[in-house]
Amino acid sequence: MARVFLTPAVSGQESTIVINGRTFENFFPNPLHRDDVMRPFKVTNNLGSFNVKANVNGGGTTGQSGAIRLGIARALSEMNEENRPLLRKEELLTRDPRMVERKKSGQPGARKKFQFSKR
């Protein structure tokens, strides 16, 4: 789950991205995750025009980068309705529906079965 706050960047200064009080590069050392977070800005040609402050928890780094990406995309579409078709076309306004499957009774996990013995 992520909460994203966008503020216009001050002209003449570089835009900043802070996640859970840490710098963007420190929080996401993997460049794939950093590119994933920046994709909504690249699609709407707003690269460097907003400061981002995000709080994120739960899941792994890939899930967290996806949650921040969705939050940024929603904020950009809310700020300017012209961004919505661009973001929709790139599927940036779609939430990842995958969830953990529940554990069933009579077995040790969601899919795993107890060892079968013929005798």
PDB file of N, CA and C in Angstrom:
ATOM      1  N   MET A   1       0.839  -1.174   0.000  1.00  0.00           N
ATOM      2  CA  MET A   1       0.000   0.000   0.000  1.00  0.00           C
ATOM      3  C   MET A   1       0.887   1.241   0.000  1.00  0.00           C
ATOM      4  N   ALA A   2       0.520   2.210  -0.813  1.00  0.00           N
ATOM      5  CA  ALA A   2       1.343   3.410  -0.914  1.00  0.00           C
ATOM      6  C   ALA A   2       0.470   4.655  -0.838  1.00  0.00           C
ATOM      7  N   ARG A   3       1.010   5.683  -0.203  1.00  0.00           N
ATOM      8  CA  ARG A   3       0.397   7.011  -0.204  1.00  0.00           C
ATOM      9  C   ARG A   3       1.390   7.941  -0.862  1.00  0.00           C
ATOM     10  N   VAL A   4       0.945   8.618  -1.912  1.00  0.00           N
ATOM     11  CA  VAL A   4       1.837   9.443  -2.715  1.00  0.00           C
ATOM     12  C   VAL A   4       1.357  10.888  -2.689  1.00  0.00           C
ATOM     13  N   PHE A   5       2.294  11.814  -2.468  1.00  0.00           N
ATOM     14  CA  PHE A   5       1.997  13.238  -2.458  1.00  0.00           C
ATOM     15  C   PHE A   5       2.863  13.916  -3.513  1.00  0.00           C
ATOM     16  N   LEU A   6       2.230  14.594  -4.481  1.00  0.00           N
ATOM     17  CA  LEU A   6       2.956  15.319  -5.525  1.00  0.00           C
ATOM     18  C   LEU A   6       2.837  16.810  -5.265  1.00  0.00           C
ATOM     19  N   THR A   7       3.964  17.499  -5.341  1.00  0.00           N
ATOM     20  CA  THR A   7       3.971  18.959  -5.245  1.00  0.00           C
ATOM     21  C   THR A   7       4.778  19.495  -6.419  1.00  0.00           C
ATOM     22  N   PRO A   8       4.398  20.638  -6.975  1.00  0.00           N
ATOM     23  CA  PRO A   8       5.174  21.192  -8.090  1.00  0.00           C
ATOM     24  C   PRO A   8       6.604  21.501  -7.657  1.00  0.00           C
ATOM     25  N   ALA A   9       7.541  21.164  -8.510  1.00  0.00           N
ATOM     26  CA  ALA A   9       8.951  21.419  -8.217  1.00  0.00           C
ATOM     27  C   ALA A   9       9.251  22.901  -8.400  1.00  0.00           C
ATOM     28  N   VAL A  10      10.161  23.417  -7.583  1.00  0.00           N
ATOM     29  CA  VAL A  10      10.568  24.810  -7.670  1.00  0.00           C
ATOM     30  C   VAL A  10      11.432  24.967  -8.915  1.00  0.00           C
ATOM     31  N   SER A  11      11.139  25.990  -9.710  1.00  0.00           N
ATOM     32  CA  SER A  11      11.912  26.194 -10.935  1.00  0.00           C
ATOM     33  C   SER A  11      13.368  26.512 -10.591  1.00  0.00           C
ATOM     34  N   GLY A  12      14.262  25.937 -11.354  1.00  0.00           N
ATOM     35  CA  GLY A  12      15.679  26.135 -11.106  1.00  0.00           C
ATOM     36  C   GLY A  12      16.284  25.108 -10.177  1.00  0.00           C
ATOM     37  N   GLN A  13      15.451  24.319  -9.507  1.00  0.00           N
ATOM     38  CA  GLN A  13      15.946  23.269  -8.629  1.00  0.00           C
ATOM     39  C   GLN A  13      15.544  21.912  -9.179  1.00  0.00           C
ATOM     40  N   GLU A  14      16.312  20.903  -8.817  1.00  0.00           N
ATOM     41  CA  GLU A  14      16.026  19.546  -9.262  1.00  0.00           C
ATOM     42  C   GLU A  14      14.876  18.978  -8.442  1.00  0.00           C
ATOM     43  N   SER A  15      13.994  18.211  -9.092  1.00  0.00           N
ATOM     44  CA  SER A  15      12.878  17.601  -8.358  1.00  0.00           C
ATOM     45  C   SER A  15      13.412  16.484  -7.460  1.00  0.00           C
ATOM     46  N   THR A  16      12.728  16.247  -6.345  1.00  0.00           N
ATOM     47  CA  THR A  16      13.174  15.239  -5.384  1.00  0.00           C
ATOM     48  C   THR A  16      12.111  14.164  -5.232  1.00  0.00           C
ATOM     49  N   ILE A  17      12.578  12.972  -4.949  1.00  0.00           N
ATOM     50  CA  ILE A  17      11.685  11.850  -4.653  1.00  0.00           C
ATOM     51  C   ILE A  17      12.143  11.263  -3.333  1.00  0.00           C
ATOM     52  N   VAL A  18      11.246  11.277  -2.333  1.00  0.00           N
ATOM     53  CA  VAL A  18      11.558  10.754  -1.008  1.00  0.00           C
ATOM     54  C   VAL A  18      10.546   9.658  -0.690  1.00  0.00           C
ATOM     55  N   ILE A  19      11.048   8.463  -0.355  1.00  0.00           N
ATOM     56  CA  ILE A  19      10.185   7.332  -0.037  1.00  0.00           C
ATOM     57  C   ILE A  19      10.514   6.863   1.370  1.00  0.00           C
ATOM     58  N   ASN A  20       9.527   6.888   2.243  1.00  0.00           N
ATOM     59  CA  ASN A  20       9.690   6.504   3.646  1.00  0.00           C
ATOM     60  C   ASN A  20      10.861   7.232   4.304  1.00  0.00           C
ATOM     61  N   GLY A  21      11.052   8.502   3.948  1.00  0.00           N
ATOM     62  CA  GLY A  21      12.106   9.308   4.530  1.00  0.00           C
ATOM     63  C   GLY A  21      13.489   9.038   3.963  1.00  0.00           C
ATOM     64  N   ARG A  22      13.597   8.177   2.965  1.00  0.00           N
ATOM     65  CA  ARG A  22      14.874   7.855   2.339  1.00  0.00           C
ATOM     66  C   ARG A  22      14.892   8.356   0.901  1.00  0.00           C
ATOM     67  N   THR A  23      16.082   8.564   0.379  1.00  0.00           N
ATOM     68  CA  THR A  23      16.185   9.028  -1.002  1.00  0.00           C
ATOM     69  C   THR A  23      15.757   7.916  -1.946  1.00  0.00           C
ATOM     70  N   PHE A  24      15.366   8.329  -3.145  1.00  0.00           N
ATOM     71  CA  PHE A  24      14.866   7.418  -4.172  1.00  0.00           C
ATOM     72  C   PHE A  24      15.907   6.349  -4.520  1.00  0.00           C
ATOM     73  N   GLU A  25      17.154   6.763  -4.739  1.00  0.00           N
ATOM     74  CA  GLU A  25      18.213   5.832  -5.118  1.00  0.00           C
ATOM     75  C   GLU A  25      18.575   4.895  -3.967  1.00  0.00           C
ATOM     76  N   ASN A  26      18.440   5.380  -2.751  1.00  0.00           N
ATOM     77  CA  ASN A  26      18.736   4.563  -1.577  1.00  0.00           C
ATOM     78  C   ASN A  26      17.634   3.521  -1.352  1.00  0.00           C
ATOM     79  N   PHE A  27      16.380   3.911  -1.558  1.00  0.00           N
ATOM     80  CA  PHE A  27      15.260   3.002  -1.310  1.00  0.00           C
ATOM     81  C   PHE A  27      15.157   1.934  -2.397  1.00  0.00           C
ATOM     82  N   PHE A  28      15.372   2.321  -3.657  1.00  0.00           N
ATOM     83  CA  PHE A  28      15.330   1.382  -4.778  1.00  0.00           C
ATOM     84  C   PHE A  28      16.709   1.327  -5.453  1.00  0.00           C
ATOM     85  N   PRO A  29      17.619   0.472  -4.966  1.00  0.00           N
ATOM     86  CA  PRO A  29      18.933   0.379  -5.607  1.00  0.00           C
ATOM     87  C   PRO A  29      18.878  -0.236  -7.002  1.00  0.00           C
ATOM     88  N   ASN A  30      17.832  -1.031  -7.279  1.00  0.00           N
ATOM     89  CA  ASN A  30      17.680  -1.669  -8.582  1.00  0.00           C
ATOM     90  C   ASN A  30      17.151  -0.656  -9.605  1.00  0.00           C
ATOM     91  N   PRO A  31      17.858  -0.460 -10.720  1.00  0.00           N
ATOM     92  CA  PRO A  31      17.398   0.523 -11.715  1.00  0.00           C
ATOM     93  C   PRO A  31      16.059   0.163 -12.357  1.00  0.00           C
ATOM     94  N   LEU A  32      15.698  -1.122 -12.386  1.00  0.00           N
ATOM     95  CA  LEU A  32      14.399  -1.518 -12.952  1.00  0.00           C
ATOM     96  C   LEU A  32      13.244  -0.959 -12.109  1.00  0.00           C
ATOM     97  N   HIS A  33      13.399  -0.995 -10.789  1.00  0.00           N
ATOM     98  CA  HIS A  33      12.364  -0.452  -9.915  1.00  0.00           C
ATOM     99  C   HIS A  33      12.283   1.070 -10.042  1.00  0.00           C
ATOM    100  N   ARG A  34      13.436   1.720 -10.182  1.00  0.00           N
ATOM    101  CA  ARG A  34      13.448   3.177 -10.345  1.00  0.00           C
ATOM    102  C   ARG A  34      12.770   3.577 -11.655  1.00  0.00           C
ATOM    103  N   ASP A  35      13.054   2.840 -12.740  1.00  0.00           N
ATOM    104  CA  ASP A  35      12.401   3.122 -14.027  1.00  0.00           C
ATOM    105  C   ASP A  35      10.900   2.903 -13.943  1.00  0.00           C
ATOM    106  N   ASP A  36      10.493   1.874 -13.186  1.00  0.00           N
ATOM    107  CA  ASP A  36       9.077   1.572 -13.013  1.00  0.00           C
ATOM    108  C   ASP A  36       8.346   2.734 -12.338  1.00  0.00           C
ATOM    109  N   VAL A  37       8.970   3.309 -11.318  1.00  0.00           N
ATOM    110  CA  VAL A  37       8.365   4.432 -10.596  1.00  0.00           C
ATOM    111  C   VAL A  37       8.301   5.685 -11.479  1.00  0.00           C
ATOM    112  N   MET A  38       9.299   5.888 -12.330  1.00  0.00           N
ATOM    113  CA  MET A  38       9.364   7.100 -13.154  1.00  0.00           C
ATOM    114  C   MET A  38       8.502   7.022 -14.427  1.00  0.00           C
ATOM    115  N   ARG A  39       7.980   5.853 -14.751  1.00  0.00           N
ATOM    116  CA  ARG A  39       7.246   5.680 -16.000  1.00  0.00           C
ATOM    117  C   ARG A  39       6.063   6.631 -16.187  1.00  0.00           C
ATOM    118  N   PRO A  40       5.219   6.883 -15.168  1.00  0.00           N
ATOM    119  CA  PRO A  40       4.112   7.831 -15.384  1.00  0.00           C
ATOM    120  C   PRO A  40       4.584   9.228 -15.771  1.00  0.00           C
ATOM    121  N   PHE A  41       5.722   9.672 -15.213  1.00  0.00           N
ATOM    122  CA  PHE A  41       6.258  10.984 -15.561  1.00  0.00           C
ATOM    123  C   PHE A  41       6.754  11.006 -17.010  1.00  0.00           C
ATOM    124  N   LYS A  42       7.393   9.912 -17.442  1.00  0.00           N
ATOM    125  CA  LYS A  42       7.900   9.840 -18.812  1.00  0.00           C
ATOM    126  C   LYS A  42       6.763   9.824 -19.824  1.00  0.00           C
ATOM    127  N   VAL A  43       5.693   9.097 -19.515  1.00  0.00           N
ATOM    128  CA  VAL A  43       4.556   8.979 -20.436  1.00  0.00           C
ATOM    129  C   VAL A  43       3.852  10.321 -20.615  1.00  0.00           C
ATOM    130  N   THR A  44       3.726  11.085 -19.525  1.00  0.00           N
ATOM    131  CA  THR A  44       3.007  12.365 -19.577  1.00  0.00           C
ATOM    132  C   THR A  44       3.929  13.561 -19.810  1.00  0.00           C
ATOM    133  N   ASN A  45       5.217  13.324 -20.049  1.00  0.00           N
ATOM    134  CA  ASN A  45       6.206  14.388 -20.267  1.00  0.00           C
ATOM    135  C   ASN A  45       6.274  15.368 -19.097  1.00  0.00           C
ATOM    136  N   ASN A  46       6.228  14.846 -17.880  1.00  0.00           N
ATOM    137  CA  ASN A  46       6.327  15.660 -16.669  1.00  0.00           C
ATOM    138  C   ASN A  46       7.595  15.339 -15.884  1.00  0.00           C
ATOM    139  N   LEU A  47       8.586  14.802 -16.551  1.00  0.00           N
ATOM    140  CA  LEU A  47       9.814  14.398 -15.881  1.00  0.00           C
ATOM    141  C   LEU A  47      10.512  15.617 -15.275  1.00  0.00           C
ATOM    142  N   GLY A  48      10.723  15.584 -13.955  1.00  0.00           N
ATOM    143  CA  GLY A  48      11.412  16.667 -13.270  1.00  0.00           C
ATOM    144  C   GLY A  48      10.542  17.846 -12.888  1.00  0.00           C
ATOM    145  N   SER A  49       9.232  17.758 -13.092  1.00  0.00           N
ATOM    146  CA  SER A  49       8.365  18.897 -12.777  1.00  0.00           C
ATOM    147  C   SER A  49       7.604  18.735 -11.460  1.00  0.00           C
ATOM    148  N   PHE A  50       7.775  17.601 -10.773  1.00  0.00           N
ATOM    149  CA  PHE A  50       7.079  17.386  -9.502  1.00  0.00           C
ATOM    150  C   PHE A  50       8.023  16.792  -8.470  1.00  0.00           C
ATOM    151  N   ASN A  51       7.830  17.205  -7.202  1.00  0.00           N
ATOM    152  CA  ASN A  51       8.480  16.551  -6.073  1.00  0.00           C
ATOM    153  C   ASN A  51       7.539  15.461  -5.581  1.00  0.00           C
ATOM    154  N   VAL A  52       8.095  14.313  -5.228  1.00  0.00           N
ATOM    155  CA  VAL A  52       7.293  13.180  -4.781  1.00  0.00           C
ATOM    156  C   VAL A  52       7.678  12.825  -3.361  1.00  0.00           C
ATOM    157  N   LYS A  53       6.659  12.675  -2.511  1.00  0.00           N
ATOM    158  CA  LYS A  53       6.860  12.164  -1.153  1.00  0.00           C
ATOM    159  C   LYS A  53       5.914  10.981  -1.026  1.00  0.00           C
ATOM    160  N   ALA A  54       6.452   9.805  -0.729  1.00  0.00           N
ATOM    161  CA  ALA A  54       5.631   8.597  -0.679  1.00  0.00           C
ATOM    162  C   ALA A  54       5.898   7.816   0.599  1.00  0.00           C
ATOM    163  N   ASN A  55       4.838   7.239   1.123  1.00  0.00           N
ATOM    164  CA  ASN A  55       4.926   6.290   2.232  1.00  0.00           C
ATOM    165  C   ASN A  55       4.408   4.967   1.698  1.00  0.00           C
ATOM    166  N   VAL A  56       5.199   3.916   1.861  1.00  0.00           N
ATOM    167  CA  VAL A  56       4.816   2.614   1.319  1.00  0.00           C
ATOM    168  C   VAL A  56       5.165   1.532   2.325  1.00  0.00           C
ATOM    169  N   ASN A  57       4.299   0.511   2.406  1.00  0.00           N
ATOM    170  CA  ASN A  57       4.577  -0.631   3.273  1.00  0.00           C
ATOM    171  C   ASN A  57       3.935  -1.881   2.696  1.00  0.00           C
ATOM    172  N   GLY A  58       4.408  -3.032   3.140  1.00  0.00           N
ATOM    173  CA  GLY A  58       3.877  -4.308   2.684  1.00  0.00           C
ATOM    174  C   GLY A  58       4.493  -4.756   1.376  1.00  0.00           C
ATOM    175  N   GLY A  59       4.488  -6.065   1.153  1.00  0.00           N
ATOM    176  CA  GLY A  59       5.001  -6.622  -0.088  1.00  0.00           C
ATOM    177  C   GLY A  59       6.509  -6.515  -0.193  1.00  0.00           C
ATOM    178  N   GLY A  60       7.032  -6.796  -1.392  1.00  0.00           N
ATOM    179  CA  GLY A  60       8.464  -6.689  -1.641  1.00  0.00           C
ATOM    180  C   GLY A  60       8.768  -5.418  -2.405  1.00  0.00           C
ATOM    181  N   THR A  61       9.991  -5.307  -2.876  1.00  0.00           N
ATOM    182  CA  THR A  61      10.402  -4.086  -3.562  1.00  0.00           C
ATOM    183  C   THR A  61       9.663  -3.904  -4.890  1.00  0.00           C
ATOM    184  N   THR A  62       9.409  -4.997  -5.608  1.00  0.00           N
ATOM    185  CA  THR A  62       8.688  -4.899  -6.879  1.00  0.00           C
ATOM    186  C   THR A  62       7.254  -4.444  -6.651  1.00  0.00           C
ATOM    187  N   GLY A  63       6.599  -5.004  -5.648  1.00  0.00           N
ATOM    188  CA  GLY A  63       5.233  -4.604  -5.324  1.00  0.00           C
ATOM    189  C   GLY A  63       5.161  -3.168  -4.843  1.00  0.00           C
ATOM    190  N   GLN A  64       6.158  -2.759  -4.081  1.00  0.00           N
ATOM    191  CA  GLN A  64       6.176  -1.388  -3.582  1.00  0.00           C
ATOM    192  C   GLN A  64       6.405  -0.396  -4.711  1.00  0.00           C
ATOM    193  N   SER A  65       7.290  -0.733  -5.666  1.00  0.00           N
ATOM    194  CA  SER A  65       7.504   0.173  -6.794  1.00  0.00           C
ATOM    195  C   SER A  65       6.244   0.261  -7.649  1.00  0.00           C
ATOM    196  N   GLY A  66       5.522  -0.853  -7.797  1.00  0.00           N
ATOM    197  CA  GLY A  66       4.265  -0.836  -8.542  1.00  0.00           C
ATOM    198  C   GLY A  66       3.198  -0.012  -7.850  1.00  0.00           C
ATOM    199  N   ALA A  67       3.158  -0.077  -6.520  1.00  0.00           N
ATOM    200  CA  ALA A  67       2.173   0.701  -5.762  1.00  0.00           C
ATOM    201  C   ALA A  67       2.458   2.197  -5.864  1.00  0.00           C
ATOM    202  N   ILE A  68       3.727   2.572  -5.802  1.00  0.00           N
ATOM    203  CA  ILE A  68       4.096   3.983  -5.936  1.00  0.00           C
ATOM    204  C   ILE A  68       3.789   4.469  -7.347  1.00  0.00           C
ATOM    205  N   ARG A  69       4.072   3.631  -8.356  1.00  0.00           N
ATOM    206  CA  ARG A  69       3.773   3.973  -9.750  1.00  0.00           C
ATOM    207  C   ARG A  69       2.285   4.234  -9.933  1.00  0.00           C
ATOM    208  N   LEU A  70       1.448   3.377  -9.358  1.00  0.00           N
ATOM    209  CA  LEU A  70      -0.003   3.557  -9.456  1.00  0.00           C
ATOM    210  C   LEU A  70      -0.438   4.849  -8.763  1.00  0.00           C
ATOM    211  N   GLY A  71       0.132   5.144  -7.597  1.00  0.00           N
ATOM    212  CA  GLY A  71      -0.201   6.372  -6.881  1.00  0.00           C
ATOM    213  C   GLY A  71       0.180   7.615  -7.663  1.00  0.00           C
ATOM    214  N   ILE A  72       1.355   7.596  -8.288  1.00  0.00           N
ATOM    215  CA  ILE A  72       1.798   8.734  -9.097  1.00  0.00           C
ATOM    216  C   ILE A  72       0.890   8.899 -10.311  1.00  0.00           C
ATOM    217  N   ALA A  73       0.549   7.788 -10.962  1.00  0.00           N
ATOM    218  CA  ALA A  73      -0.314   7.845 -12.147  1.00  0.00           C
ATOM    219  C   ALA A  73      -1.696   8.394 -11.793  1.00  0.00           C
ATOM    220  N   ARG A  74      -2.250   7.966 -10.670  1.00  0.00           N
ATOM    221  CA  ARG A  74      -3.564   8.465 -10.248  1.00  0.00           C
ATOM    222  C   ARG A  74      -3.513   9.950  -9.932  1.00  0.00           C
ATOM    223  N   ALA A  75      -2.427  10.369  -9.277  1.00  0.00           N
ATOM    224  CA  ALA A  75      -2.289  11.791  -8.940  1.00  0.00           C
ATOM    225  C   ALA A  75      -2.160  12.638 -10.202  1.00  0.00           C
ATOM    226  N   LEU A  76      -1.379  12.171 -11.180  1.00  0.00           N
ATOM    227  CA  LEU A  76      -1.209  12.915 -12.430  1.00  0.00           C
ATOM    228  C   LEU A  76      -2.514  12.992 -13.211  1.00  0.00           C
ATOM    229  N   SER A  77      -3.303  11.926 -13.196  1.00  0.00           N
ATOM    230  CA  SER A  77      -4.576  11.956 -13.924  1.00  0.00           C
ATOM    231  C   SER A  77      -5.588  12.855 -13.214  1.00  0.00           C
ATOM    232  N   GLU A  78      -5.485  12.944 -11.896  1.00  0.00           N
ATOM    233  CA  GLU A  78      -6.393  13.818 -11.149  1.00  0.00           C
ATOM    234  C   GLU A  78      -6.025  15.290 -11.343  1.00  0.00           C
ATOM    235  N   MET A  79      -4.724  15.579 -11.473  1.00  0.00           N
ATOM    236  CA  MET A  79      -4.279  16.957 -11.675  1.00  0.00           C
ATOM    237  C   MET A  79      -4.665  17.484 -13.049  1.00  0.00           C
ATOM    238  N   ASN A  80      -4.547  16.622 -14.057  1.00  0.00           N
ATOM    239  CA  ASN A  80      -4.818  17.055 -15.423  1.00  0.00           C
ATOM    240  C   ASN A  80      -5.519  15.916 -16.155  1.00  0.00           C
ATOM    241  N   GLU A  81      -6.768  16.121 -16.551  1.00  0.00           N
ATOM    242  CA  GLU A  81      -7.547  15.077 -17.216  1.00  0.00           C
ATOM    243  C   GLU A  81      -6.969  14.666 -18.565  1.00  0.00           C
ATOM    244  N   GLU A  82      -6.130  15.505 -19.169  1.00  0.00           N
ATOM    245  CA  GLU A  82      -5.515  15.152 -20.453  1.00  0.00           C
ATOM    246  C   GLU A  82      -4.501  14.026 -20.297  1.00  0.00           C
ATOM    247  N   ASN A  83      -4.001  13.820 -19.080  1.00  0.00           N
ATOM    248  CA  ASN A  83      -3.042  12.739 -18.829  1.00  0.00           C
ATOM    249  C   ASN A  83      -3.718  11.375 -18.766  1.00  0.00           C
ATOM    250  N   ARG A  84      -5.003  11.349 -18.446  1.00  0.00           N
ATOM    251  CA  ARG A  84      -5.703  10.080 -18.221  1.00  0.00           C
ATOM    252  C   ARG A  84      -5.645   9.124 -19.415  1.00  0.00           C
ATOM    253  N   PRO A  85      -5.953   9.565 -20.663  1.00  0.00           N
ATOM    254  CA  PRO A  85      -5.875   8.616 -21.787  1.00  0.00           C
ATOM    255  C   PRO A  85      -4.455   8.093 -22.035  1.00  0.00           C
ATOM    256  N   LEU A  86      -3.451   8.943 -21.817  1.00  0.00           N
ATOM    257  CA  LEU A  86      -2.066   8.508 -21.994  1.00  0.00           C
ATOM    258  C   LEU A  86      -1.700   7.424 -20.978  1.00  0.00           C
ATOM    259  N   LEU A  87      -2.090   7.648 -19.726  1.00  0.00           N
ATOM    260  CA  LEU A  87      -1.785   6.693 -18.667  1.00  0.00           C
ATOM    261  C   LEU A  87      -2.598   5.411 -18.841  1.00  0.00           C
ATOM    262  N   ARG A  88      -3.834   5.543 -19.271  1.00  0.00           N
ATOM    263  CA  ARG A  88      -4.698   4.375 -19.485  1.00  0.00           C
ATOM    264  C   ARG A  88      -4.132   3.506 -20.616  1.00  0.00           C
ATOM    265  N   LYS A  89      -3.651   4.150 -21.666  1.00  0.00           N
ATOM    266  CA  LYS A  89      -3.094   3.426 -22.815  1.00  0.00           C
ATOM    267  C   LYS A  89      -1.874   2.596 -22.405  1.00  0.00           C
ATOM    268  N   GLU A  90      -1.053   3.132 -21.508  1.00  0.00           N
ATOM    269  CA  GLU A  90       0.137   2.427 -21.022  1.00  0.00           C
ATOM    270  C   GLU A  90      -0.177   1.487 -19.862  1.00  0.00           C
ATOM    271  N   GLU A  91      -1.461   1.367 -19.507  1.00  0.00           N
ATOM    272  CA  GLU A  91      -1.939   0.503 -18.416  1.00  0.00           C
ATOM    273  C   GLU A  91      -1.314   0.862 -17.070  1.00  0.00           C
ATOM    274  N   LEU A  92      -1.131   2.160 -16.832  1.00  0.00           N
ATOM    275  CA  LEU A  92      -0.552   2.614 -15.572  1.00  0.00           C
ATOM    276  C   LEU A  92      -1.617   2.908 -14.521  1.00  0.00           C
ATOM    277  N   LEU A  93      -2.886   2.921 -14.896  1.00  0.00           N
ATOM    278  CA  LEU A  93      -3.963   3.171 -13.938  1.00  0.00           C
ATOM    279  C   LEU A  93      -4.630   1.868 -13.494  1.00  0.00           C
ATOM    280  N   THR A  94      -4.027   0.720 -13.842  1.00  0.00           N
ATOM    281  CA  THR A  94      -4.593  -0.573 -13.503  1.00  0.00           C
ATOM    282  C   THR A  94      -3.840  -1.164 -12.322  1.00  0.00           C
ATOM    283  N   ARG A  95      -4.583  -1.568 -11.308  1.00  0.00           N
ATOM    284  CA  ARG A  95      -3.998  -2.172 -10.112  1.00  0.00           C
ATOM    285  C   ARG A  95      -3.668  -3.630 -10.402  1.00  0.00           C
ATOM    286  N   ASP A  96      -2.567  -4.124  -9.826  1.00  0.00           N
ATOM    287  CA  ASP A  96      -2.189  -5.530  -9.990  1.00  0.00           C
ATOM    288  C   ASP A  96      -3.118  -6.373  -9.112  1.00  0.00           C
ATOM    289  N   PRO A  97      -3.954  -7.234  -9.699  1.00  0.00           N
ATOM    290  CA  PRO A  97      -4.958  -7.949  -8.906  1.00  0.00           C
ATOM    291  C   PRO A  97      -4.442  -9.188  -8.187  1.00  0.00           C
ATOM    292  N   ARG A  98      -3.188  -9.574  -8.418  1.00  0.00           N
ATOM    293  CA  ARG A  98      -2.703 -10.819  -7.821  1.00  0.00           C
ATOM    294  C   ARG A  98      -2.609 -10.718  -6.302  1.00  0.00           C
ATOM    295  N   MET A  99      -3.100 -11.738  -5.643  1.00  0.00           N
ATOM    296  CA  MET A  99      -3.083 -11.793  -4.186  1.00  0.00           C
ATOM    297  C   MET A  99      -2.606 -13.180  -3.752  1.00  0.00           C
ATOM    298  N   VAL A 100      -2.236 -13.315  -2.493  1.00  0.00           N
ATOM    299  CA  VAL A 100      -1.819 -14.600  -1.950  1.00  0.00           C
ATOM    300  C   VAL A 100      -3.045 -15.489  -1.820  1.00  0.00           C
ATOM    301  N   GLU A 101      -2.909 -16.727  -2.292  1.00  0.00           N
ATOM    302  CA  GLU A 101      -4.009 -17.685  -2.186  1.00  0.00           C
ATOM    303  C   GLU A 101      -4.126 -18.153  -0.749  1.00  0.00           C
ATOM    304  N   ARG A 102      -5.338 -18.341  -0.285  1.00  0.00           N
ATOM    305  CA  ARG A 102      -5.537 -18.714   1.118  1.00  0.00           C
ATOM    306  C   ARG A 102      -5.148 -20.168   1.371  1.00  0.00           C
ATOM    307  N   LYS A 103      -4.785 -20.452   2.617  1.00  0.00           N
ATOM    308  CA  LYS A 103      -4.455 -21.811   3.027  1.00  0.00           C
ATOM    309  C   LYS A 103      -5.750 -22.584   3.205  1.00  0.00           C
ATOM    310  N   LYS A 104      -5.796 -23.808   2.664  1.00  0.00           N
ATOM    311  CA  LYS A 104      -6.986 -24.647   2.795  1.00  0.00           C
ATOM    312  C   LYS A 104      -6.829 -25.610   3.962  1.00  0.00           C
ATOM    313  N   SER A 105      -7.948 -26.020   4.545  1.00  0.00           N
ATOM    314  CA  SER A 105      -7.896 -26.972   5.651  1.00  0.00           C
ATOM    315  C   SER A 105      -7.547 -28.356   5.122  1.00  0.00           C
ATOM    316  N   GLY A 106      -6.866 -29.146   5.926  1.00  0.00           N
ATOM    317  CA  GLY A 106      -6.479 -30.492   5.519  1.00  0.00           C
ATOM    318  C   GLY A 106      -5.203 -30.533   4.705  1.00  0.00           C
ATOM    319  N   GLN A 107      -4.518 -29.426   4.578  1.00  0.00           N
ATOM    320  CA  GLN A 107      -3.227 -29.405   3.894  1.00  0.00           C
ATOM    321  C   GLN A 107      -2.358 -28.319   4.517  1.00  0.00           C
ATOM    322  N   PRO A 108      -1.019 -28.436   4.351  1.00  0.00           N
ATOM    323  CA  PRO A 108      -0.122 -27.519   5.065  1.00  0.00           C
ATOM    324  C   PRO A 108      -0.029 -26.113   4.477  1.00  0.00           C
ATOM    325  N   GLY A 109      -0.439 -25.922   3.244  1.00  0.00           N
ATOM    326  CA  GLY A 109      -0.354 -24.595   2.623  1.00  0.00           C
ATOM    327  C   GLY A 109      -1.500 -24.396   1.653  1.00  0.00           C
ATOM    328  N   ALA A 110      -1.340 -23.424   0.764  1.00  0.00           N
ATOM    329  CA  ALA A 110      -2.395 -23.133  -0.193  1.00  0.00           C
ATOM    330  C   ALA A 110      -2.545 -24.262  -1.219  1.00  0.00           C
ATOM    331  N   ARG A 111      -1.418 -24.765  -1.717  1.00  0.00           N
ATOM    332  CA  ARG A 111      -1.442 -25.817  -2.742  1.00  0.00           C
ATOM    333  C   ARG A 111      -0.772 -27.112  -2.281  1.00  0.00           C
ATOM    334  N   LYS A 112       0.182 -26.996  -1.361  1.00  0.00           N
ATOM    335  CA  LYS A 112       0.948 -28.154  -0.928  1.00  0.00           C
ATOM    336  C   LYS A 112       0.058 -29.136  -0.163  1.00  0.00           C
ATOM    337  N   LYS A 113       0.290 -30.422  -0.402  1.00  0.00           N
ATOM    338  CA  LYS A 113      -0.461 -31.462   0.292  1.00  0.00           C
ATOM    339  C   LYS A 113       0.473 -32.172   1.269  1.00  0.00           C
ATOM    340  N   PHE A 114      -0.120 -32.815   2.288  1.00  0.00           N
ATOM    341  CA  PHE A 114       0.673 -33.642   3.189  1.00  0.00           C
ATOM    342  C   PHE A 114       1.180 -34.851   2.417  1.00  0.00           C
ATOM    343  N   GLN A 115       2.306 -35.419   2.864  1.00  0.00           N
ATOM    344  CA  GLN A 115       2.905 -36.538   2.152  1.00  0.00           C
ATOM    345  C   GLN A 115       1.947 -37.721   2.124  1.00  0.00           C
ATOM    346  N   PHE A 116       1.805 -38.329   0.935  1.00  0.00           N
ATOM    347  CA  PHE A 116       0.898 -39.448   0.745  1.00  0.00           C
ATOM    348  C   PHE A 116       1.627 -40.763   0.994  1.00  0.00           C
ATOM    349  N   SER A 117       1.005 -41.645   1.750  1.00  0.00           N
ATOM    350  CA  SER A 117       1.598 -42.941   2.035  1.00  0.00           C
ATOM    351  C   SER A 117       0.625 -44.013   1.591  1.00  0.00           C
ATOM    352  N   LYS A 118       1.098 -44.970   0.774  1.00  0.00           N
ATOM    353  CA  LYS A 118       0.222 -46.051   0.317  1.00  0.00           C
ATOM    354  C   LYS A 118      -0.074 -47.023   1.469  1.00  0.00           C
ATOM    355  N   ARG A 119       0.918 -47.251   2.316  1.00  0.00           N
ATOM    356  CA  ARG A 119       0.730 -48.226   3.402  1.00  0.00           C
ATOM    357  C   ARG A 119       0.940 -47.591   4.737  1.00  0.00           C
TER     358      ARG A 119
END
